[in-house]
PDB file of N, CA and C in Angstrom:
ATOM      1  N   GLU A   1       0.983  -1.339   0.357  1.00  0.00           N
ATOM      2  CA  GLU A   1       0.587   0.341  -0.245  1.00  0.00           C
ATOM      3  C   GLU A   1       0.989   1.152   0.152  1.00  0.00           C
ATOM      4  N   THR A   2       1.763   1.280   0.928  1.00  0.00           N
ATOM      5  CA  THR A   2       2.758   2.682   0.754  1.00  0.00           C
ATOM      6  C   THR A   2       3.003   2.431  -0.402  1.00  0.00           C
ATOM      7  N   ALA A   3       4.159   1.299  -1.133  1.00  0.00           N
ATOM      8  CA  ALA A   3       4.825   1.796  -2.241  1.00  0.00           C
ATOM      9  C   ALA A   3       3.868   2.043  -3.380  1.00  0.00           C
ATOM     10  N   GLN A   4       2.306   1.555  -3.301  1.00  0.00           N
ATOM     11  CA  GLN A   4       1.674   2.403  -4.356  1.00  0.00           C
ATOM     12  C   GLN A   4       1.087   3.611  -3.849  1.00  0.00           C
ATOM     13  N   SER A   5       1.182   3.796  -3.168  1.00  0.00           N
ATOM     14  CA  SER A   5       0.671   5.745  -3.024  1.00  0.00           C
ATOM     15  C   SER A   5       1.954   6.296  -2.559  1.00  0.00           C
ATOM     16  N   MET A   6       3.305   5.642  -2.834  1.00  0.00           N
ATOM     17  CA  MET A   6       4.486   6.646  -3.517  1.00  0.00           C
ATOM     18  C   MET A   6       4.214   6.411  -4.869  1.00  0.00           C
ATOM     19  N   ALA A   7       3.335   5.716  -5.670  1.00  0.00           N
ATOM     20  CA  ALA A   7       3.814   5.632  -7.328  1.00  0.00           C
ATOM     21  C   ALA A   7       5.374   5.212  -7.749  1.00  0.00           C
ATOM     22  N   LEU A   8       5.336   4.185  -6.747  1.00  0.00           N
ATOM     23  CA  LEU A   8       6.614   3.304  -7.126  1.00  0.00           C
ATOM     24  C   LEU A   8       6.008   1.898  -7.540  1.00  0.00           C
ATOM     25  N   PRO A   9       6.215   1.292  -8.508  1.00  0.00           N
ATOM     26  CA  PRO A   9       6.058  -0.056  -8.747  1.00  0.00           C
ATOM     27  C   PRO A   9       5.917  -0.965  -7.621  1.00  0.00           C
ATOM     28  N   VAL A  10       4.876  -1.378  -8.065  1.00  0.00           N
ATOM     29  CA  VAL A  10       4.748  -3.269  -6.932  1.00  0.00           C
ATOM     30  C   VAL A  10       4.410  -4.025  -8.093  1.00  0.00           C
ATOM     31  N   THR A  11       5.322  -5.078  -7.564  1.00  0.00           N
ATOM     32  CA  THR A  11       4.384  -6.836  -8.652  1.00  0.00           C
ATOM     33  C   THR A  11       5.003  -7.310  -6.830  1.00  0.00           C
ATOM     34  N   VAL A  12       3.949  -8.769  -7.411  1.00  0.00           N
ATOM     35  CA  VAL A  12       3.910 -10.295  -6.214  1.00  0.00           C
ATOM     36  C   VAL A  12       4.105 -11.648  -7.536  1.00  0.00           C
ATOM     37  N   GLN A  13       5.461 -11.587  -7.078  1.00  0.00           N
ATOM     38  CA  GLN A  13       5.479 -12.729  -8.453  1.00  0.00           C
ATOM     39  C   GLN A  13       6.625 -13.486  -6.944  1.00  0.00           C
ATOM     40  N   THR A  14       6.956 -15.284  -7.548  1.00  0.00           N
ATOM     41  CA  THR A  14       7.883 -16.011  -7.120  1.00  0.00           C
ATOM     42  C   THR A  14       8.655 -15.822  -8.088  1.00  0.00           C
ATOM     43  N   LEU A  15      10.040 -15.759  -7.029  1.00  0.00           N
ATOM     44  CA  LEU A  15      11.241 -15.560  -7.909  1.00  0.00           C
ATOM     45  C   LEU A  15      12.019 -16.381  -7.851  1.00  0.00           C
ATOM     46  N   LEU A  16      12.793 -16.855  -9.075  1.00  0.00           N
ATOM     47  CA  LEU A  16      14.002 -18.008  -8.534  1.00  0.00           C
ATOM     48  C   LEU A  16      15.360 -17.418  -8.167  1.00  0.00           C
ATOM     49  N   LEU A  17      16.320 -18.362  -7.138  1.00  0.00           N
ATOM     50  CA  LEU A  17      17.452 -17.608  -7.091  1.00  0.00           C
ATOM     51  C   LEU A  17      17.574 -17.106  -8.278  1.00  0.00           C
ATOM     52  N   GLU A  18      17.924 -17.341  -8.873  1.00  0.00           N
ATOM     53  CA  GLU A  18      18.869 -16.783  -9.896  1.00  0.00           C
ATOM     54  C   GLU A  18      18.273 -15.524 -10.497  1.00  0.00           C
ATOM     55  N   GLN A  19      17.317 -15.234 -10.303  1.00  0.00           N
ATOM     56  CA  GLN A  19      16.782 -13.878 -10.285  1.00  0.00           C
ATOM     57  C   GLN A  19      16.729 -13.058  -9.260  1.00  0.00           C
ATOM     58  N   LEU A  20      16.933 -13.900  -7.967  1.00  0.00           N
ATOM     59  CA  LEU A  20      17.379 -13.069  -6.712  1.00  0.00           C
ATOM     60  C   LEU A  20      18.851 -12.337  -7.410  1.00  0.00           C
ATOM     61  N   LEU A  21      19.768 -13.362  -6.966  1.00  0.00           N
ATOM     62  CA  LEU A  21      21.108 -12.895  -7.429  1.00  0.00           C
ATOM     63  C   LEU A  21      21.319 -12.011  -8.473  1.00  0.00           C
ATOM     64  N   SER A  22      20.599 -12.042  -9.449  1.00  0.00           N
ATOM     65  CA  SER A  22      20.388 -10.426 -10.551  1.00  0.00           C
ATOM     66  C   SER A  22      19.782  -9.149  -9.811  1.00  0.00           C
ATOM     67  N   ALA A  23      18.783  -8.979  -8.627  1.00  0.00           N
ATOM     68  CA  ALA A  23      18.734  -7.443  -8.830  1.00  0.00           C
ATOM     69  C   ALA A  23      19.307  -6.750  -7.988  1.00  0.00           C
ATOM     70  N   ASP A  24      19.240  -5.367  -8.376  1.00  0.00           N
ATOM     71  CA  ASP A  24      20.184  -4.394  -7.666  1.00  0.00           C
ATOM     72  C   ASP A  24      19.937  -3.790  -6.465  1.00  0.00           C
ATOM     73  N   GLU A  25      18.924  -4.267  -5.576  1.00  0.00           N
ATOM     74  CA  GLU A  25      18.160  -4.256  -4.219  1.00  0.00           C
ATOM     75  C   GLU A  25      17.225  -5.221  -4.066  1.00  0.00           C
ATOM     76  N   ILE A  26      17.410  -6.001  -2.644  1.00  0.00           N
ATOM     77  CA  ILE A  26      16.177  -6.642  -2.244  1.00  0.00           C
ATOM     78  C   ILE A  26      15.744  -6.128  -0.693  1.00  0.00           C
ATOM     79  N   PHE A  27      14.999  -6.445  -0.587  1.00  0.00           N
ATOM     80  CA  PHE A  27      13.882  -6.066   1.098  1.00  0.00           C
ATOM     81  C   PHE A  27      12.920  -6.867   0.497  1.00  0.00           C
ATOM     82  N   LEU A  28      13.246  -7.665   1.948  1.00  0.00           N
ATOM     83  CA  LEU A  28      11.451  -8.269   2.675  1.00  0.00           C
ATOM     84  C   LEU A  28      10.493  -7.376   3.537  1.00  0.00           C
ATOM     85  N   CYS A  29       9.079  -7.422   3.390  1.00  0.00           N
ATOM     86  CA  CYS A  29       8.758  -7.003   4.432  1.00  0.00           C
ATOM     87  C   CYS A  29       7.373  -7.391   4.988  1.00  0.00           C
ATOM     88  N   ASN A  30       6.846  -7.167   6.043  1.00  0.00           N
ATOM     89  CA  ASN A  30       5.696  -7.781   6.840  1.00  0.00           C
ATOM     90  C   ASN A  30       5.568  -6.867   8.078  1.00  0.00           C
ATOM     91  N   ALA A  31       4.057  -7.714   8.651  1.00  0.00           N
ATOM     92  CA  ALA A  31       3.480  -6.676   9.038  1.00  0.00           C
ATOM     93  C   ALA A  31       4.516  -6.098  10.962  1.00  0.00           C
ATOM     94  N   ILE A  32       5.305  -7.208  11.141  1.00  0.00           N
ATOM     95  CA  ILE A  32       5.669  -7.700  12.565  1.00  0.00           C
ATOM     96  C   ILE A  32       7.271  -6.912  12.312  1.00  0.00           C
ATOM     97  N   ILE A  33       8.217  -7.118  10.992  1.00  0.00           N
ATOM     98  CA  ILE A  33       9.531  -6.397  11.470  1.00  0.00           C
ATOM     99  C   ILE A  33       9.392  -5.402  10.389  1.00  0.00           C
ATOM    100  N   GLY A  34       8.337  -4.637   9.621  1.00  0.00           N
ATOM    101  CA  GLY A  34       8.079  -3.111   8.288  1.00  0.00           C
ATOM    102  C   GLY A  34       9.360  -4.015   7.361  1.00  0.00           C
ATOM    103  N   LEU A  35       9.682  -2.575   6.985  1.00  0.00           N
ATOM    104  CA  LEU A  35      10.726  -3.283   5.444  1.00  0.00           C
ATOM    105  C   LEU A  35      12.403  -4.163   6.123  1.00  0.00           C
ATOM    106  N   TRP A  36      12.563  -4.392   5.670  1.00  0.00           N
ATOM    107  CA  TRP A  36      13.833  -5.908   6.226  1.00  0.00           C
ATOM    108  C   TRP A  36      15.140  -5.348   4.935  1.00  0.00           C
ATOM    109  N   PRO A  37      16.044  -4.350   5.007  1.00  0.00           N
ATOM    110  CA  PRO A  37      16.798  -4.834   3.559  1.00  0.00           C
ATOM    111  C   PRO A  37      17.579  -6.336   3.456  1.00  0.00           C
ATOM    112  N   VAL A  38      17.316  -6.471   2.586  1.00  0.00           N
ATOM    113  CA  VAL A  38      18.699  -7.970   2.700  1.00  0.00           C
ATOM    114  C   VAL A  38      19.885  -7.349   1.936  1.00  0.00           C
ATOM    115  N   ARG A  39      21.280  -7.393   2.772  1.00  0.00           N
ATOM    116  CA  ARG A  39      22.096  -7.068   2.377  1.00  0.00           C
ATOM    117  C   ARG A  39      23.214  -8.285   1.171  1.00  0.00           C
ATOM    118  N   ARG A  40      23.314  -9.277   2.091  1.00  0.00           N
ATOM    119  CA  ARG A  40      23.608 -10.573   1.481  1.00  0.00           C
ATOM    120  C   ARG A  40      22.986 -11.858   1.011  1.00  0.00           C
ATOM    121  N   ILE A  41      23.160 -12.429  -0.292  1.00  0.00           N
ATOM    122  CA  ILE A  41      22.744 -13.576  -0.048  1.00  0.00           C
ATOM    123  C   ILE A  41      23.776 -13.950  -1.169  1.00  0.00           C
ATOM    124  N   ASP A  42      24.660 -15.023  -0.254  1.00  0.00           N
ATOM    125  CA  ASP A  42      26.132 -16.158  -0.698  1.00  0.00           C
ATOM    126  C   ASP A  42      26.485 -15.180  -0.538  1.00  0.00           C
ATOM    127  N   ASP A  43      27.155 -14.888  -1.613  1.00  0.00           N
ATOM    128  CA  ASP A  43      28.246 -13.850  -1.680  1.00  0.00           C
ATOM    129  C   ASP A  43      27.752 -12.430  -2.703  1.00  0.00           C
ATOM    130  N   ALA A  44      26.919 -13.016  -3.255  1.00  0.00           N
ATOM    131  CA  ALA A  44      26.008 -11.489  -3.526  1.00  0.00           C
ATOM    132  C   ALA A  44      25.846 -10.649  -2.381  1.00  0.00           C
ATOM    133  N   ARG A  45      26.734  -9.088  -2.822  1.00  0.00           N
ATOM    134  CA  ARG A  45      25.639  -8.104  -1.532  1.00  0.00           C
ATOM    135  C   ARG A  45      24.606  -7.341  -2.568  1.00  0.00           C
ATOM    136  N   TYR A  46      24.104  -6.708  -1.470  1.00  0.00           N
ATOM    137  CA  TYR A  46      23.486  -5.462  -2.113  1.00  0.00           C
ATOM    138  C   TYR A  46      23.438  -4.220  -0.982  1.00  0.00           C
ATOM    139  N   PRO A  47      23.424  -2.867  -2.161  1.00  0.00           N
ATOM    140  CA  PRO A  47      23.286  -2.253  -1.551  1.00  0.00           C
ATOM    141  C   PRO A  47      22.067  -1.641  -0.777  1.00  0.00           C
ATOM    142  N   LEU A  48      21.614  -0.586   0.456  1.00  0.00           N
ATOM    143  CA  LEU A  48      20.579  -0.627   0.331  1.00  0.00           C
ATOM    144  C   LEU A  48      20.421   0.593  -0.205  1.00  0.00           C
ATOM    145  N   GLY A  49      18.784   0.946  -1.483  1.00  0.00           N
ATOM    146  CA  GLY A  49      19.185   1.192  -2.510  1.00  0.00           C
ATOM    147  C   GLY A  49      17.941   2.098  -2.897  1.00  0.00           C
ATOM    148  N   PHE A  50      17.711   2.484  -3.484  1.00  0.00           N
ATOM    149  CA  PHE A  50      17.048   3.801  -2.960  1.00  0.00           C
ATOM    150  C   PHE A  50      15.394   3.237  -3.388  1.00  0.00           C
ATOM    151  N   TYR A  51      15.112   2.464  -3.646  1.00  0.00           N
ATOM    152  CA  TYR A  51      13.374   2.009  -3.206  1.00  0.00           C
ATOM    153  C   TYR A  51      13.110   1.596  -2.015  1.00  0.00           C
ATOM    154  N   THR A  52      14.401   1.051  -1.205  1.00  0.00           N
ATOM    155  CA  THR A  52      13.827   0.572   0.227  1.00  0.00           C
ATOM    156  C   THR A  52      14.299   2.214   1.357  1.00  0.00           C
ATOM    157  N   ARG A  53      15.484   2.940   0.489  1.00  0.00           N
ATOM    158  CA  ARG A  53      15.592   3.945   1.086  1.00  0.00           C
ATOM    159  C   ARG A  53      13.956   4.884   1.725  1.00  0.00           C
ATOM    160  N   ARG A  54      13.515   5.440   0.438  1.00  0.00           N
ATOM    161  CA  ARG A  54      12.725   5.928   0.005  1.00  0.00           C
ATOM    162  C   ARG A  54      11.190   5.268   1.208  1.00  0.00           C
ATOM    163  N   LEU A  55      10.691   3.466   0.684  1.00  0.00           N
ATOM    164  CA  LEU A  55      10.351   2.988   1.331  1.00  0.00           C
ATOM    165  C   LEU A  55      10.436   3.617   3.087  1.00  0.00           C
ATOM    166  N   ARG A  56      11.598   2.898   3.691  1.00  0.00           N
ATOM    167  CA  ARG A  56      11.578   3.080   5.212  1.00  0.00           C
ATOM    168  C   ARG A  56      11.652   4.358   5.687  1.00  0.00           C
ATOM    169  N   GLU A  57      11.900   5.573   4.796  1.00  0.00           N
ATOM    170  CA  GLU A  57      11.327   6.804   5.669  1.00  0.00           C
ATOM    171  C   GLU A  57       9.716   7.146   5.512  1.00  0.00           C
ATOM    172  N   SER A  58       8.935   6.832   4.459  1.00  0.00           N
ATOM    173  CA  SER A  58       7.935   6.769   4.716  1.00  0.00           C
ATOM    174  C   SER A  58       7.113   5.760   5.386  1.00  0.00           C
ATOM    175  N   LEU A  59       7.467   4.766   5.784  1.00  0.00           N
ATOM    176  CA  LEU A  59       6.620   4.049   6.664  1.00  0.00           C
ATOM    177  C   LEU A  59       7.310   4.471   8.360  1.00  0.00           C
ATOM    178  N   LYS A  60       7.909   5.036   8.333  1.00  0.00           N
ATOM    179  CA  LYS A  60       8.561   6.171   9.849  1.00  0.00           C
ATOM    180  C   LYS A  60       7.505   7.250   9.850  1.00  0.00           C
ATOM    181  N   GLU A  61       7.491   7.713   8.532  1.00  0.00           N
ATOM    182  CA  GLU A  61       7.281   8.681   9.453  1.00  0.00           C
ATOM    183  C   GLU A  61       5.125   8.500   9.406  1.00  0.00           C
ATOM    184  N   ARG A  62       4.825   7.542   8.438  1.00  0.00           N
ATOM    185  CA  ARG A  62       3.533   7.251   8.577  1.00  0.00           C
ATOM    186  C   ARG A  62       3.003   6.822  10.083  1.00  0.00           C
ATOM    187  N   ALA A  63       4.143   5.832  10.518  1.00  0.00           N
ATOM    188  CA  ALA A  63       4.010   5.012  11.769  1.00  0.00           C
ATOM    189  C   ALA A  63       4.303   6.726  12.818  1.00  0.00           C
ATOM    190  N   ALA A  64       5.290   7.461  12.874  1.00  0.00           N
ATOM    191  CA  ALA A  64       4.828   9.247  13.333  1.00  0.00           C
ATOM    192  C   ALA A  64       3.321   9.788  13.362  1.00  0.00           C
ATOM    193  N   ASP A  65       3.371   9.540  12.337  1.00  0.00           N
ATOM    194  CA  ASP A  65       1.763  10.220  11.566  1.00  0.00           C
ATOM    195  C   ASP A  65       1.030   9.289  13.075  1.00  0.00           C
ATOM    196  N   ARG A  66       0.580   8.257  13.312  1.00  0.00           N
ATOM    197  CA  ARG A  66       0.391   7.420  13.654  1.00  0.00           C
ATOM    198  C   ARG A  66       0.445   7.490  15.711  1.00  0.00           C
ATOM    199  N   GLY A  67       1.322   8.260  15.787  1.00  0.00           N
ATOM    200  CA  GLY A  67       1.780   7.878  17.132  1.00  0.00           C
ATOM    201  C   GLY A  67       1.473   9.077  17.711  1.00  0.00           C
ATOM    202  N   ARG A  68       1.438  10.530  16.966  1.00  0.00           N
ATOM    203  CA  ARG A  68       0.836  11.580  17.633  1.00  0.00           C
ATOM    204  C   ARG A  68      -0.740  11.663  17.761  1.00  0.00           C
TER     205      ARG A  68
END
């Protein structure tokens, strides 16, 4: 919902390991941990990317707004 409200592309699909390894950035998200960046899979390393940073900041802002 947050990504869609920010006009970020959203796709839900099953991925093969080879597809993940070729990604520019990877993150996991759920209701318990929020957004969690994946920094490494085996020897492949991933930066804290553009989408991960934008979504993380937006989620923090929304949580702060709910706390007010």
